[in-house]
N, C-alpha and C. Protein backbone atom coordinates (compact mmCIF):
# COMPACT_ATOMS: atom_id res chain seq x y z
N MET A 1 0.60 23.02 -9.47
CA MET A 1 2.23 22.89 -8.67
C MET A 1 2.00 22.14 -7.90
N VAL A 2 3.62 21.82 -7.42
CA VAL A 2 4.47 20.20 -6.15
C VAL A 2 4.14 21.40 -5.68
N PRO A 3 3.56 20.78 -4.24
CA PRO A 3 4.24 20.95 -3.06
C PRO A 3 5.26 21.12 -2.33
N SER A 4 5.49 21.82 -1.65
CA SER A 4 6.80 21.17 -0.66
C SER A 4 6.81 20.04 0.85
N THR A 5 7.69 19.63 0.70
CA THR A 5 7.67 18.89 1.46
C THR A 5 7.45 19.40 3.16
N LYS A 6 8.02 20.34 2.95
CA LYS A 6 8.00 21.75 4.18
C LYS A 6 6.10 22.18 4.30
N GLU A 7 6.14 22.53 3.77
CA GLU A 7 4.47 22.60 3.90
C GLU A 7 3.82 21.41 3.31
N VAL A 8 3.91 20.43 3.13
CA VAL A 8 3.00 19.21 3.86
C VAL A 8 3.39 18.60 5.13
N THR A 9 4.77 18.32 5.01
CA THR A 9 4.83 18.14 5.99
C THR A 9 4.04 19.28 8.16
N GLU A 10 3.79 20.77 8.01
CA GLU A 10 3.39 21.94 8.08
C GLU A 10 2.26 20.96 8.83
N LEU A 11 1.66 20.80 7.83
CA LEU A 11 0.17 20.60 7.63
C LEU A 11 -0.43 19.31 7.92
N LEU A 12 0.68 18.43 7.88
CA LEU A 12 0.14 17.44 8.71
C LEU A 12 0.24 17.22 10.38
N LEU A 13 1.03 17.90 10.37
CA LEU A 13 1.46 18.80 12.07
C LEU A 13 -0.03 19.34 12.69
N ASP A 14 -0.40 20.63 12.15
CA ASP A 14 -1.36 20.92 12.44
C ASP A 14 -2.50 19.82 12.52
N TRP A 15 -3.08 19.12 11.19
CA TRP A 15 -4.12 18.70 10.99
C TRP A 15 -4.02 17.68 12.80
N SER A 16 -2.23 16.92 12.85
CA SER A 16 -2.17 15.64 14.03
C SER A 16 -2.57 15.99 15.48
N ASP A 17 -2.36 18.25 15.76
CA ASP A 17 -2.98 18.90 16.60
C ASP A 17 -4.01 19.17 17.23
N GLY A 18 -5.10 18.78 15.81
CA GLY A 18 -6.56 18.75 15.57
C GLY A 18 -6.66 20.12 14.83
N ASN A 19 -5.80 20.10 13.97
CA ASN A 19 -6.42 21.83 13.48
C ASN A 19 -6.87 21.59 11.96
N GLN A 20 -8.65 21.36 12.53
CA GLN A 20 -9.50 20.46 10.91
C GLN A 20 -9.10 21.28 10.17
N ALA A 21 -8.82 22.90 9.77
CA ALA A 21 -8.73 23.77 8.03
C ALA A 21 -7.17 22.53 7.30
N ALA A 22 -6.59 21.98 8.56
CA ALA A 22 -5.15 21.96 8.35
C ALA A 22 -5.85 20.91 6.76
N LEU A 23 -6.60 19.51 7.90
CA LEU A 23 -6.78 18.81 6.80
C LEU A 23 -7.07 19.21 5.60
N ASP A 24 -8.33 20.34 5.82
CA ASP A 24 -8.39 20.77 4.18
C ASP A 24 -7.95 20.87 3.18
N ARG A 25 -6.88 21.95 3.75
CA ARG A 25 -5.31 22.83 2.78
C ARG A 25 -4.52 21.39 2.19
N LEU A 26 -5.00 20.37 3.20
CA LEU A 26 -3.75 19.45 3.09
C LEU A 26 -4.48 18.38 1.55
N THR A 27 -5.42 18.03 2.08
CA THR A 27 -6.61 17.33 1.13
C THR A 27 -5.89 17.48 -0.52
N PRO A 28 -6.03 18.45 -0.99
CA PRO A 28 -5.43 19.00 -2.81
C PRO A 28 -3.91 19.12 -2.58
N LEU A 29 -3.47 18.61 -2.38
CA LEU A 29 -2.11 19.00 -1.85
C LEU A 29 -1.33 17.68 -1.76
N VAL A 30 -1.86 16.84 -1.55
CA VAL A 30 -1.34 15.34 -1.42
C VAL A 30 -2.26 14.34 -2.67
N TYR A 31 -3.37 14.86 -2.97
CA TYR A 31 -4.71 14.10 -4.02
C TYR A 31 -3.37 13.78 -4.73
N GLU A 32 -2.74 14.28 -5.87
CA GLU A 32 -1.38 13.68 -6.52
C GLU A 32 -1.04 13.08 -6.81
N GLU A 33 -0.07 12.78 -5.99
CA GLU A 33 0.81 11.58 -5.15
C GLU A 33 0.25 10.69 -5.04
N LEU A 34 -1.22 10.60 -3.96
CA LEU A 34 -1.87 9.39 -3.33
C LEU A 34 -2.59 8.33 -4.71
N HIS A 35 -2.37 9.61 -5.48
CA HIS A 35 -3.28 8.79 -7.00
C HIS A 35 -2.13 8.00 -7.89
N ARG A 36 -0.76 8.76 -7.32
CA ARG A 36 0.47 7.34 -8.42
C ARG A 36 0.37 6.58 -7.67
N LEU A 37 0.22 6.59 -6.24
CA LEU A 37 1.04 5.56 -5.12
C LEU A 37 0.08 4.63 -5.47
N ALA A 38 -1.51 5.07 -5.70
CA ALA A 38 -2.46 3.90 -5.85
C ALA A 38 -2.05 3.20 -7.25
N HIS A 39 -1.65 4.71 -8.17
CA HIS A 39 -1.65 3.86 -9.63
C HIS A 39 -0.01 2.68 -9.66
N GLN A 40 0.53 2.35 -8.67
CA GLN A 40 1.55 1.63 -8.74
C GLN A 40 1.33 0.97 -7.77
N HIS A 41 0.36 0.80 -6.77
CA HIS A 41 0.18 -0.64 -6.58
C HIS A 41 -0.50 -1.28 -7.37
N MET A 42 -1.40 -0.88 -8.66
CA MET A 42 -2.24 -1.02 -9.25
C MET A 42 -1.84 -1.69 -10.33
N LYS A 43 -0.43 -1.49 -9.92
CA LYS A 43 0.31 -1.84 -12.09
C LYS A 43 0.42 -3.11 -11.36
N ARG A 44 1.00 -2.82 -9.86
CA ARG A 44 1.65 -5.13 -9.59
C ARG A 44 0.29 -5.55 -9.29
N GLU A 45 -0.66 -4.93 -8.94
CA GLU A 45 -1.34 -5.92 -8.46
C GLU A 45 -2.48 -6.60 -10.14
N ARG A 46 -2.06 -6.11 -10.79
CA ARG A 46 -2.44 -6.09 -12.62
C ARG A 46 -1.72 -7.59 -12.60
N ARG A 47 -0.04 -7.55 -12.46
CA ARG A 47 0.42 -8.40 -12.68
C ARG A 47 -0.04 -10.11 -11.88
N TYR A 48 -0.71 -9.54 -10.85
CA TYR A 48 -0.45 -11.38 -9.99
C TYR A 48 -2.57 -11.11 -10.24
N GLN A 49 -3.23 -10.06 -10.81
CA GLN A 49 -4.33 -10.44 -10.81
C GLN A 49 -5.32 -9.42 -12.11
N GLN A 50 -5.04 -10.90 -13.58
CA GLN A 50 -5.91 -10.32 -14.65
C GLN A 50 -7.63 -9.66 -14.36
N GLY A 51 -7.75 -9.09 -14.83
CA GLY A 51 -8.88 -7.69 -15.07
C GLY A 51 -9.18 -8.07 -12.96
N HIS A 52 -8.43 -7.48 -13.18
CA HIS A 52 -8.93 -6.65 -11.45
C HIS A 52 -9.90 -5.66 -11.52
N THR A 53 -10.81 -6.05 -10.47
CA THR A 53 -12.53 -5.39 -10.66
C THR A 53 -12.04 -3.50 -10.15
N MET A 54 -10.63 -4.21 -9.40
CA MET A 54 -11.32 -2.34 -9.04
C MET A 54 -10.33 -1.24 -9.46
N GLN A 55 -11.35 -0.02 -9.15
CA GLN A 55 -10.07 0.90 -9.63
C GLN A 55 -9.74 1.78 -8.94
N THR A 56 -7.98 2.48 -9.85
CA THR A 56 -6.88 2.83 -9.25
C THR A 56 -7.68 4.23 -8.19
N SER A 57 -8.74 4.43 -8.63
CA SER A 57 -9.76 5.82 -8.00
C SER A 57 -10.16 5.39 -6.86
N ALA A 58 -10.63 4.46 -7.58
CA ALA A 58 -11.38 3.88 -5.12
C ALA A 58 -10.85 3.52 -4.62
N LEU A 59 -9.66 2.90 -5.35
CA LEU A 59 -8.18 2.62 -3.98
C LEU A 59 -8.13 3.96 -3.04
N VAL A 60 -7.33 5.23 -3.53
CA VAL A 60 -7.29 6.53 -3.59
C VAL A 60 -7.83 6.72 -2.38
N ASN A 61 -9.66 6.53 -3.03
CA ASN A 61 -10.50 7.09 -2.38
C ASN A 61 -10.89 6.19 -0.36
N GLU A 62 -11.25 5.76 -0.83
CA GLU A 62 -10.53 4.04 -0.36
C GLU A 62 -9.02 4.66 0.81
N ALA A 63 -8.17 4.18 0.52
CA ALA A 63 -7.20 4.70 1.05
C ALA A 63 -6.98 6.22 2.38
N TYR A 64 -7.78 7.24 1.36
CA TYR A 64 -8.02 8.67 1.86
C TYR A 64 -9.09 7.86 3.28
N LEU A 65 -10.10 8.32 2.85
CA LEU A 65 -11.10 7.68 4.27
C LEU A 65 -10.62 6.76 5.41
N ARG A 66 -9.61 5.63 5.34
CA ARG A 66 -8.57 5.48 5.90
C ARG A 66 -7.82 6.58 6.38
N LEU A 67 -6.98 6.82 5.78
CA LEU A 67 -6.26 7.49 6.61
C LEU A 67 -6.41 8.88 7.03
N ILE A 68 -7.83 9.83 6.66
CA ILE A 68 -8.56 10.34 7.39
C ILE A 68 -9.16 9.87 8.91
N ASP A 69 -9.59 9.17 9.06
CA ASP A 69 -10.23 8.25 9.97
C ASP A 69 -9.61 7.87 11.36
N GLN A 70 -8.23 7.73 10.92
CA GLN A 70 -7.50 7.64 12.12
C GLN A 70 -6.85 8.62 13.45
N ARG A 71 -7.37 6.99 14.14
CA ARG A 71 -8.12 8.48 15.67
C ARG A 71 -6.32 8.34 15.99
N ASN A 72 -6.09 9.38 16.56
CA ASN A 72 -4.62 9.66 17.02
C ASN A 72 -3.49 9.75 16.62
N ALA A 73 -4.56 10.37 15.57
CA ALA A 73 -2.79 9.90 14.86
C ALA A 73 -1.82 11.08 14.39
N HIS A 74 -0.39 10.16 14.68
CA HIS A 74 0.72 11.77 14.81
C HIS A 74 1.11 10.84 14.15
N TRP A 75 1.46 12.53 12.67
CA TRP A 75 1.52 11.66 11.59
C TRP A 75 3.58 13.34 11.62
N GLN A 76 4.79 12.31 11.25
CA GLN A 76 6.15 12.92 11.86
C GLN A 76 6.05 13.33 10.47
N ASN A 77 5.78 13.29 9.70
CA ASN A 77 6.64 14.13 8.42
C ASN A 77 5.48 13.52 6.45
N ARG A 78 5.67 14.34 5.61
CA ARG A 78 5.51 13.86 4.76
C ARG A 78 5.54 12.29 4.13
N ALA A 79 6.84 12.05 4.55
CA ALA A 79 7.42 10.03 4.53
C ALA A 79 6.28 9.56 4.79
N HIS A 80 6.43 9.66 6.19
CA HIS A 80 5.34 9.20 7.22
C HIS A 80 3.49 8.69 7.04
N PHE A 81 3.67 10.09 6.67
CA PHE A 81 1.99 9.95 5.86
C PHE A 81 2.24 9.01 4.60
N PHE A 82 2.22 8.89 3.54
CA PHE A 82 2.90 8.12 2.34
C PHE A 82 3.38 7.07 3.04
N SER A 83 3.98 6.33 3.39
CA SER A 83 4.59 4.68 4.30
C SER A 83 2.63 4.85 5.02
N ILE A 84 1.77 5.23 5.34
CA ILE A 84 1.02 4.49 5.59
C ILE A 84 0.25 4.44 5.43
N ALA A 85 -0.16 5.63 4.07
CA ALA A 85 -1.05 4.94 2.40
C ALA A 85 -0.48 3.82 1.81
N SER A 86 0.25 3.40 1.78
CA SER A 86 1.59 3.00 0.84
C SER A 86 0.89 1.98 1.72
N ARG A 87 0.74 1.43 2.54
CA ARG A 87 0.48 0.45 4.25
C ARG A 87 -0.74 -0.47 3.83
N LEU A 88 -1.76 0.85 4.11
CA LEU A 88 -3.14 1.28 3.21
C LEU A 88 -4.05 0.27 2.02
N MET A 89 -2.91 1.06 1.12
CA MET A 89 -3.32 0.29 -0.05
C MET A 89 -3.09 -0.73 -0.32
N ARG A 90 -2.11 -1.58 0.63
CA ARG A 90 -1.27 -3.17 0.10
C ARG A 90 -2.45 -3.46 0.76
N ARG A 91 -3.04 -3.24 2.20
CA ARG A 91 -3.70 -3.72 3.06
C ARG A 91 -5.54 -4.16 2.34
N ILE A 92 -5.78 -2.18 1.51
CA ILE A 92 -6.83 -2.62 0.87
C ILE A 92 -6.94 -4.02 -0.23
N LEU A 93 -6.04 -3.52 -1.36
CA LEU A 93 -5.06 -5.24 -2.06
C LEU A 93 -5.62 -6.38 -1.89
N VAL A 94 -4.55 -6.47 -0.45
CA VAL A 94 -4.78 -7.90 -0.12
C VAL A 94 -6.69 -8.73 0.61
N ASP A 95 -7.12 -7.68 1.28
CA ASP A 95 -8.77 -8.43 1.39
C ASP A 95 -9.51 -7.88 0.18
N HIS A 96 -9.15 -7.28 -1.06
CA HIS A 96 -9.50 -6.87 -1.66
C HIS A 96 -9.20 -8.65 -2.49
N ALA A 97 -8.37 -9.22 -2.79
CA ALA A 97 -7.75 -10.75 -2.30
C ALA A 97 -9.25 -11.65 -1.86
N ARG A 98 -8.24 -11.19 -1.59
CA ARG A 98 -8.53 -12.41 0.64
C ARG A 98 -10.67 -12.84 -0.12
N SER A 99 -11.38 -11.44 -0.22
CA SER A 99 -12.58 -11.41 -0.16
C SER A 99 -13.28 -12.52 -1.59
N HIS A 100 -11.62 -12.35 -3.07
CA HIS A 100 -12.37 -13.40 -4.26
C HIS A 100 -11.61 -14.43 -3.42
N GLN A 101 -11.05 -14.66 -3.02
CA GLN A 101 -10.79 -16.59 -2.78
C GLN A 101 -12.21 -16.74 -1.31
N TYR A 102 -12.44 -16.02 -0.80
CA TYR A 102 -13.09 -16.96 -0.11
C TYR A 102 -14.09 -17.53 -1.11
N ALA A 103 -14.95 -16.21 -1.84
CA ALA A 103 -15.77 -16.03 -2.89
C ALA A 103 -15.74 -17.47 -3.95
N LYS A 104 -13.92 -17.90 -4.13
CA LYS A 104 -14.00 -19.16 -5.20
C LYS A 104 -14.88 -20.11 -3.87
N ARG A 105 -14.04 -20.28 -2.57
CA ARG A 105 -14.58 -21.60 -1.92
C ARG A 105 -16.12 -21.54 -1.25
N GLY A 106 -16.67 -20.30 -1.74
CA GLY A 106 -18.50 -21.11 -2.44
C GLY A 106 -18.90 -19.87 -1.44
N GLY A 107 -18.03 -19.02 -0.34
CA GLY A 107 -18.51 -18.40 0.25
C GLY A 107 -19.56 -17.62 0.30
N GLY A 108 -21.16 -17.23 0.77
CA GLY A 108 -21.32 -15.82 0.13
C GLY A 108 -21.49 -16.00 -1.33
N ALA A 109 -21.71 -17.61 -2.16
CA ALA A 109 -21.31 -17.19 -3.43
C ALA A 109 -22.39 -16.22 -3.73
N LEU A 110 -22.64 -15.52 -4.58
CA LEU A 110 -23.33 -15.42 -5.51
C LEU A 110 -23.91 -15.63 -7.05
N LYS A 111 -24.89 -15.75 -7.30
CA LYS A 111 -24.25 -15.87 -8.92
C LYS A 111 -24.11 -15.34 -9.69
N VAL A 112 -23.15 -14.92 -11.32
CA VAL A 112 -22.67 -14.03 -11.68
C VAL A 112 -22.72 -15.20 -13.35
N SER A 113 -22.41 -14.52 -14.43
CA SER A 113 -22.77 -14.32 -15.57
C SER A 113 -21.56 -14.59 -15.79
N LEU A 114 -21.18 -15.71 -16.85
CA LEU A 114 -19.08 -16.56 -17.08
C LEU A 114 -18.63 -15.57 -17.12
N ASP A 115 -19.06 -14.15 -17.97
CA ASP A 115 -18.16 -12.95 -18.41
C ASP A 115 -17.25 -13.01 -17.09
N GLU A 116 -19.09 -12.74 -16.01
CA GLU A 116 -18.01 -11.86 -14.90
C GLU A 116 -16.92 -12.44 -14.23
N ALA A 117 -17.43 -14.23 -14.41
CA ALA A 117 -16.91 -14.59 -13.62
C ALA A 117 -14.97 -15.17 -14.12
N ALA A 118 -15.32 -14.83 -16.03
CA ALA A 118 -13.65 -14.56 -16.10
C ALA A 118 -13.03 -13.58 -15.91
N MET A 119 -13.80 -12.79 -15.52
CA MET A 119 -13.14 -11.01 -14.92
C MET A 119 -11.98 -12.06 -13.29
N VAL A 120 -12.23 -12.36 -12.64
CA VAL A 120 -10.93 -12.31 -11.93
C VAL A 120 -10.11 -13.56 -11.88
N SER A 121 -8.68 -13.53 -12.38
CA SER A 121 -7.74 -14.27 -12.34
C SER A 121 -7.47 -15.17 -11.19
N GLN A 122 -8.27 -16.18 -9.67
CA GLN A 122 -8.25 -16.88 -8.88
C GLN A 122 -6.75 -17.63 -8.88
N GLU A 123 -5.90 -18.40 -9.87
CA GLU A 123 -4.62 -18.81 -9.11
C GLU A 123 -4.21 -17.03 -9.11
N ARG A 124 -3.86 -15.61 -9.66
CA ARG A 124 -3.31 -14.39 -9.31
C ARG A 124 -3.45 -14.14 -8.09
N ALA A 125 -5.24 -14.26 -7.78
CA ALA A 125 -4.99 -13.68 -6.71
C ALA A 125 -4.42 -14.44 -5.66
N ALA A 126 -4.71 -15.77 -5.17
CA ALA A 126 -3.70 -17.06 -4.64
C ALA A 126 -2.02 -16.34 -4.93
N GLU A 127 -1.82 -16.19 -5.83
CA GLU A 127 0.47 -14.88 -5.73
C GLU A 127 0.26 -14.16 -4.49
N LEU A 128 -0.98 -13.00 -4.38
CA LEU A 128 -0.49 -12.17 -4.23
C LEU A 128 -1.14 -12.55 -2.13
N VAL A 129 -1.88 -13.00 -2.35
CA VAL A 129 -2.17 -13.47 -1.18
C VAL A 129 -0.42 -14.53 0.06
N ALA A 130 -0.58 -14.92 -1.29
CA ALA A 130 0.82 -15.96 -0.10
C ALA A 130 2.22 -15.22 -0.40
N LEU A 131 1.46 -13.95 -1.84
CA LEU A 131 3.30 -13.12 -1.23
C LEU A 131 2.01 -11.94 0.62
N ASP A 132 1.17 -11.81 0.66
CA ASP A 132 1.01 -11.18 1.61
C ASP A 132 1.28 -11.90 3.08
N ASP A 133 1.38 -13.18 2.94
CA ASP A 133 1.08 -14.36 4.20
C ASP A 133 2.72 -14.86 4.56
N ALA A 134 4.01 -14.71 2.81
CA ALA A 134 5.47 -13.88 2.87
C ALA A 134 5.25 -12.85 3.48
N LEU A 135 4.91 -11.10 2.87
CA LEU A 135 5.59 -10.36 4.30
C LEU A 135 5.18 -10.11 5.42
N THR A 136 4.10 -11.02 6.10
CA THR A 136 3.16 -11.24 7.05
C THR A 136 4.02 -11.85 8.46
N SER A 137 5.33 -12.68 7.41
CA SER A 137 6.13 -13.58 8.03
C SER A 137 7.48 -12.76 8.21
N LEU A 138 7.32 -11.94 7.67
CA LEU A 138 8.72 -11.43 7.82
C LEU A 138 9.04 -10.28 8.86
N ALA A 139 7.91 -9.46 8.08
CA ALA A 139 7.36 -8.41 9.95
C ALA A 139 7.58 -9.64 10.76
N ALA A 140 7.56 -10.14 10.96
CA ALA A 140 7.96 -11.16 12.35
C ALA A 140 9.01 -11.05 12.21
N VAL A 141 10.04 -11.19 11.74
CA VAL A 141 11.04 -11.38 11.98
C VAL A 141 12.01 -10.85 11.71
N ASP A 142 11.29 -9.74 10.83
CA ASP A 142 12.80 -8.21 10.42
C ASP A 142 11.52 -7.00 9.89
N PRO A 143 10.97 -6.43 11.21
CA PRO A 143 9.78 -6.00 10.31
C PRO A 143 10.49 -4.38 9.61
N ARG A 144 11.04 -3.84 9.93
CA ARG A 144 12.15 -2.92 9.06
C ARG A 144 12.13 -3.70 7.14
N LYS A 145 12.37 -4.58 7.49
CA LYS A 145 12.56 -5.74 5.99
C LYS A 145 11.33 -5.46 5.02
N CYS A 146 10.44 -5.11 5.94
CA CYS A 146 8.66 -5.76 5.33
C CYS A 146 8.64 -4.08 5.14
N GLN A 147 8.54 -3.22 5.91
CA GLN A 147 8.35 -0.97 5.08
C GLN A 147 9.07 -0.90 4.47
N VAL A 148 10.45 -1.80 4.24
CA VAL A 148 11.76 -1.48 2.44
C VAL A 148 10.34 -2.12 1.90
N VAL A 149 9.92 -3.14 1.78
CA VAL A 149 9.28 -3.79 0.60
C VAL A 149 7.98 -3.98 0.38
N GLU A 150 7.33 -2.92 1.44
CA GLU A 150 5.67 -2.41 1.43
C GLU A 150 6.77 -1.28 0.55
N LEU A 151 7.12 -0.20 0.80
CA LEU A 151 7.15 1.17 0.54
C LEU A 151 8.19 1.08 -1.00
N ARG A 152 8.80 0.20 -1.36
CA ARG A 152 9.70 -0.11 -2.19
C ARG A 152 8.74 -0.63 -3.49
N PHE A 153 7.98 -1.76 -3.08
CA PHE A 153 7.22 -2.35 -4.36
C PHE A 153 6.09 -1.81 -4.77
N PHE A 154 5.42 -1.76 -3.00
CA PHE A 154 3.61 -1.34 -3.22
C PHE A 154 4.04 0.15 -3.34
N GLY A 155 4.56 0.36 -3.13
CA GLY A 155 4.49 2.40 -3.12
C GLY A 155 5.24 3.02 -3.84
N GLY A 156 6.03 1.69 -4.92
CA GLY A 156 6.77 2.64 -5.47
C GLY A 156 7.67 3.96 -5.94
N MET A 157 8.16 4.39 -4.20
CA MET A 157 9.49 4.87 -4.02
C MET A 157 10.33 4.48 -4.56
N SER A 158 11.61 5.41 -4.45
CA SER A 158 12.26 5.85 -3.88
C SER A 158 13.82 4.39 -3.39
N VAL A 159 14.83 4.55 -3.69
CA VAL A 159 15.32 3.93 -2.18
C VAL A 159 15.60 5.04 -1.35
N GLU A 160 16.16 6.81 -1.76
CA GLU A 160 15.95 7.79 -0.97
C GLU A 160 14.86 7.80 0.08
N GLU A 161 13.35 8.19 -1.33
CA GLU A 161 12.53 8.35 -0.82
C GLU A 161 12.39 7.39 0.62
N THR A 162 12.42 5.67 0.38
CA THR A 162 11.69 4.87 1.53
C THR A 162 13.72 5.03 2.48
N ALA A 163 14.23 5.01 2.36
CA ALA A 163 15.13 5.56 3.24
C ALA A 163 14.48 7.33 3.93
N GLU A 164 14.14 7.90 3.47
CA GLU A 164 13.81 9.43 4.23
C GLU A 164 12.50 8.68 5.25
N ALA A 165 11.79 7.97 4.86
CA ALA A 165 10.82 7.27 5.93
C ALA A 165 10.70 6.86 6.49
N LEU A 166 11.71 5.53 7.10
CA LEU A 166 12.36 4.94 7.41
C LEU A 166 13.40 5.72 8.54
N GLY A 167 14.30 7.43 7.90
CA GLY A 167 14.91 7.07 9.30
C GLY A 167 16.07 6.42 8.70
N VAL A 168 16.56 5.47 8.19
CA VAL A 168 17.62 4.80 7.54
C VAL A 168 18.25 4.95 6.59
N SER A 169 19.80 5.33 6.13
CA SER A 169 21.05 5.54 5.17
C SER A 169 19.61 4.77 3.91
N ALA A 170 20.14 5.08 2.43
CA ALA A 170 19.70 4.67 1.50
C ALA A 170 20.31 3.04 0.85
N ILE A 171 22.05 3.65 1.86
CA ILE A 171 22.56 1.52 1.24
C ILE A 171 21.76 1.34 2.29
N THR A 172 21.58 1.01 4.00
CA THR A 172 20.65 -0.27 4.59
C THR A 172 19.65 0.01 3.75
N VAL A 173 19.04 0.94 2.82
CA VAL A 173 17.76 0.32 2.07
C VAL A 173 17.83 -0.44 0.95
N LYS A 174 19.14 -0.72 0.61
CA LYS A 174 19.92 -0.72 -0.21
C LYS A 174 19.41 -2.44 0.06
N ARG A 175 20.22 -2.46 1.11
CA ARG A 175 20.78 -3.86 1.97
C ARG A 175 19.57 -5.11 1.91
N ASP A 176 18.24 -3.81 2.71
CA ASP A 176 17.40 -4.63 3.40
C ASP A 176 16.82 -5.09 2.00
N TRP A 177 16.21 -4.22 1.25
CA TRP A 177 15.94 -4.69 0.36
C TRP A 177 16.13 -5.80 -0.37
N SER A 178 17.52 -6.53 -1.09
CA SER A 178 18.35 -7.44 -1.13
C SER A 178 17.89 -8.34 -1.10
N THR A 179 17.71 -8.20 0.46
CA THR A 179 17.64 -9.59 1.61
C THR A 179 16.36 -9.38 1.74
N ALA A 180 15.50 -8.99 1.39
CA ALA A 180 14.05 -8.53 1.57
C ALA A 180 13.19 -9.77 0.11
N LYS A 181 14.55 -9.57 -0.65
CA LYS A 181 13.64 -9.52 -1.49
C LYS A 181 14.24 -11.43 -2.10
N ALA A 182 15.08 -11.38 -1.30
CA ALA A 182 16.20 -12.98 -1.18
C ALA A 182 14.78 -14.16 -0.56
N TRP A 183 14.85 -13.19 0.81
CA TRP A 183 13.50 -14.01 1.52
C TRP A 183 12.63 -14.16 1.25
N LEU A 184 11.68 -13.49 1.03
CA LEU A 184 10.38 -13.61 0.09
C LEU A 184 10.51 -15.07 -1.16
N HIS A 185 11.44 -14.61 -1.54
CA HIS A 185 11.24 -15.50 -2.68
C HIS A 185 11.57 -16.45 -2.46
N ARG A 186 12.08 -17.11 -0.93
CA ARG A 186 12.46 -18.37 -0.02
C ARG A 186 10.97 -18.88 0.24
N ALA A 187 10.31 -17.77 0.67
CA ALA A 187 9.00 -18.60 1.61
C ALA A 187 7.80 -19.04 0.23
N MET A 188 8.37 -18.31 -0.49
CA MET A 188 6.86 -17.88 -1.80
C MET A 188 6.93 -19.64 -1.83
N LYS A 189 8.69 -19.83 -2.47
CA LYS A 189 8.55 -21.66 -2.97
C LYS A 189 7.86 -21.93 -2.31
N ALA A 190 8.38 -21.90 -1.04
CA ALA A 190 8.00 -23.49 0.19
C ALA A 190 6.53 -23.54 0.59
């Protein structure tokens, strides 16, 4: 059974007000959607990094732990919650890629077998880090366009879901999406 948007929003608001029982009731309702978001992130991640070592369930669990550890979170609604979850998943994956690049340069080097070393494509990790750097630059210029990319590309959200999460029209999301893609393409080529 798919929970209603209203039910999830009400539980998020109750949880924001300090009701721990609301979190207990909320968790099973949002797990499938968190897993879907993580799957979207991992699908895109695998394009950048062949042989990625993080599993979808691990990404869900890490994001969930970070979400429930939010202090003074004031969830506005279901869309707000999932947009933050998507952003957290992106951060987790970028941090993972950065740690592999750090290791590539010899920092904290561990001895591993050749088979283990072949599991991570450093070139793909570098592309993911370049994308993150370009997104960081875009966020400085136009934060909403950066959010649109995070929600659409990393979160796998539809135009309508993204519009709801950001409180803008679908046509604005389409325009921002188009402009942001062009901006990122140019930034990553530079």
